[in-house]
Amino acid sequence: MKGVRSASEETPLKIGNFPEELKSFEGKKKYSEWLFEYNPQQAIHNPPPSKAPVPPATPSSPPSSSRLNPPDSAPPF
């Protein structure tokens, strides 16, 4: 597969001010005119994941009762 293209005849929500790598979309009147073509020179190479240990997540503490029942308020009965 070299790329993909939409068969939609709908008007694009965006027709201008594209980033450099999408300048070919400028002024196109329908999605079917947009071509997403694979270019190996522009492929993003993700580095391998880090081997550094990740600390475990700390569970959040439950709210204190003083926040639920401030000293000035009566108990909820």
Protein backbone atom coordinates (compact mmCIF):
# COMPACT_ATOMS: atom_id res chain seq x y z
CA MET A 1 0.00 0.00 0.00
CA LYS A 2 1.36 3.39 -0.94
CA GLY A 3 -1.29 5.60 0.67
CA VAL A 4 -4.99 6.19 1.25
CA ARG A 5 -7.64 8.46 -0.17
CA SER A 6 -11.20 9.21 0.88
CA ALA A 7 -14.09 8.76 -1.53
CA SER A 8 -16.04 11.50 0.29
CA GLU A 9 -17.38 14.37 -1.77
CA GLU A 10 -17.96 16.42 1.41
CA THR A 11 -16.35 19.84 1.84
CA PRO A 12 -13.39 19.70 4.27
CA LEU A 13 -13.75 21.55 7.56
CA LYS A 14 -10.28 23.01 6.97
CA ILE A 15 -9.10 24.27 3.58
CA GLY A 16 -6.05 26.38 4.44
CA ASN A 17 -3.23 27.14 6.87
CA PHE A 18 -1.90 23.56 6.87
CA PRO A 19 1.54 22.63 8.24
CA GLU A 20 4.31 22.21 5.68
CA GLU A 21 3.92 18.42 5.40
CA LEU A 22 0.21 18.85 4.48
CA LYS A 23 0.47 21.84 2.12
CA SER A 24 -0.94 19.70 -0.70
CA PHE A 25 -4.37 19.96 1.02
CA GLU A 26 -4.49 23.76 0.55
CA GLY A 27 -7.58 24.90 -1.31
CA LYS A 28 -9.02 21.41 -1.94
CA LYS A 29 -12.80 21.56 -2.33
CA LYS A 30 -13.61 17.99 -1.17
CA TYR A 31 -12.03 15.23 0.92
CA SER A 32 -11.64 13.00 -2.14
CA GLU A 33 -8.94 15.43 -3.34
CA TRP A 34 -6.84 14.76 -0.22
CA LEU A 35 -4.20 12.06 -0.67
CA PHE A 36 -2.40 10.54 2.30
CA GLU A 37 0.72 9.04 0.74
CA TYR A 38 3.38 7.10 2.66
CA ASN A 39 6.85 8.62 2.39
CA PRO A 40 9.54 6.54 4.12
CA GLN A 41 11.79 9.64 4.42
CA GLN A 42 9.13 11.30 6.60
CA ALA A 43 8.42 8.23 8.73
CA ILE A 44 8.68 8.85 12.46
CA HIS A 45 11.06 6.45 14.14
CA ASN A 46 10.11 5.86 17.75
CA PRO A 47 13.06 5.13 20.01
CA PRO A 48 12.90 1.89 21.97
CA PRO A 49 11.26 2.19 25.39
CA SER A 50 13.47 3.16 28.28
CA LYS A 51 14.75 0.38 30.51
CA ALA A 52 14.62 2.68 33.56
CA PRO A 53 12.31 1.37 36.28
CA VAL A 54 9.03 3.20 36.70
CA PRO A 55 7.94 3.80 40.30
CA PRO A 56 4.52 2.40 41.19
CA ALA A 57 1.60 4.80 41.28
CA THR A 58 0.68 6.10 44.71
CA PRO A 59 -3.03 5.71 45.47
CA SER A 60 -4.72 8.92 46.44
CA SER A 61 -5.72 9.19 50.06
CA PRO A 62 -9.41 9.32 50.93
CA PRO A 63 -10.76 12.72 51.95
CA SER A 64 -10.41 13.46 55.62
CA SER A 65 -13.56 13.60 57.71
CA SER A 66 -12.77 17.19 58.65
CA ARG A 67 -13.33 18.20 55.03
CA LEU A 68 -16.60 16.29 54.92
CA ASN A 69 -17.89 17.71 58.21
CA PRO A 70 -16.24 21.04 59.00
CA PRO A 71 -16.11 21.84 62.76
CA ASP A 72 -18.79 24.56 62.45
CA SER A 73 -21.40 22.32 60.87
CA ALA A 74 -23.80 19.91 62.46
CA PRO A 75 -23.52 16.20 61.64
CA PRO A 76 -25.64 15.13 58.63
CA PHE A 77 -28.59 13.31 60.34
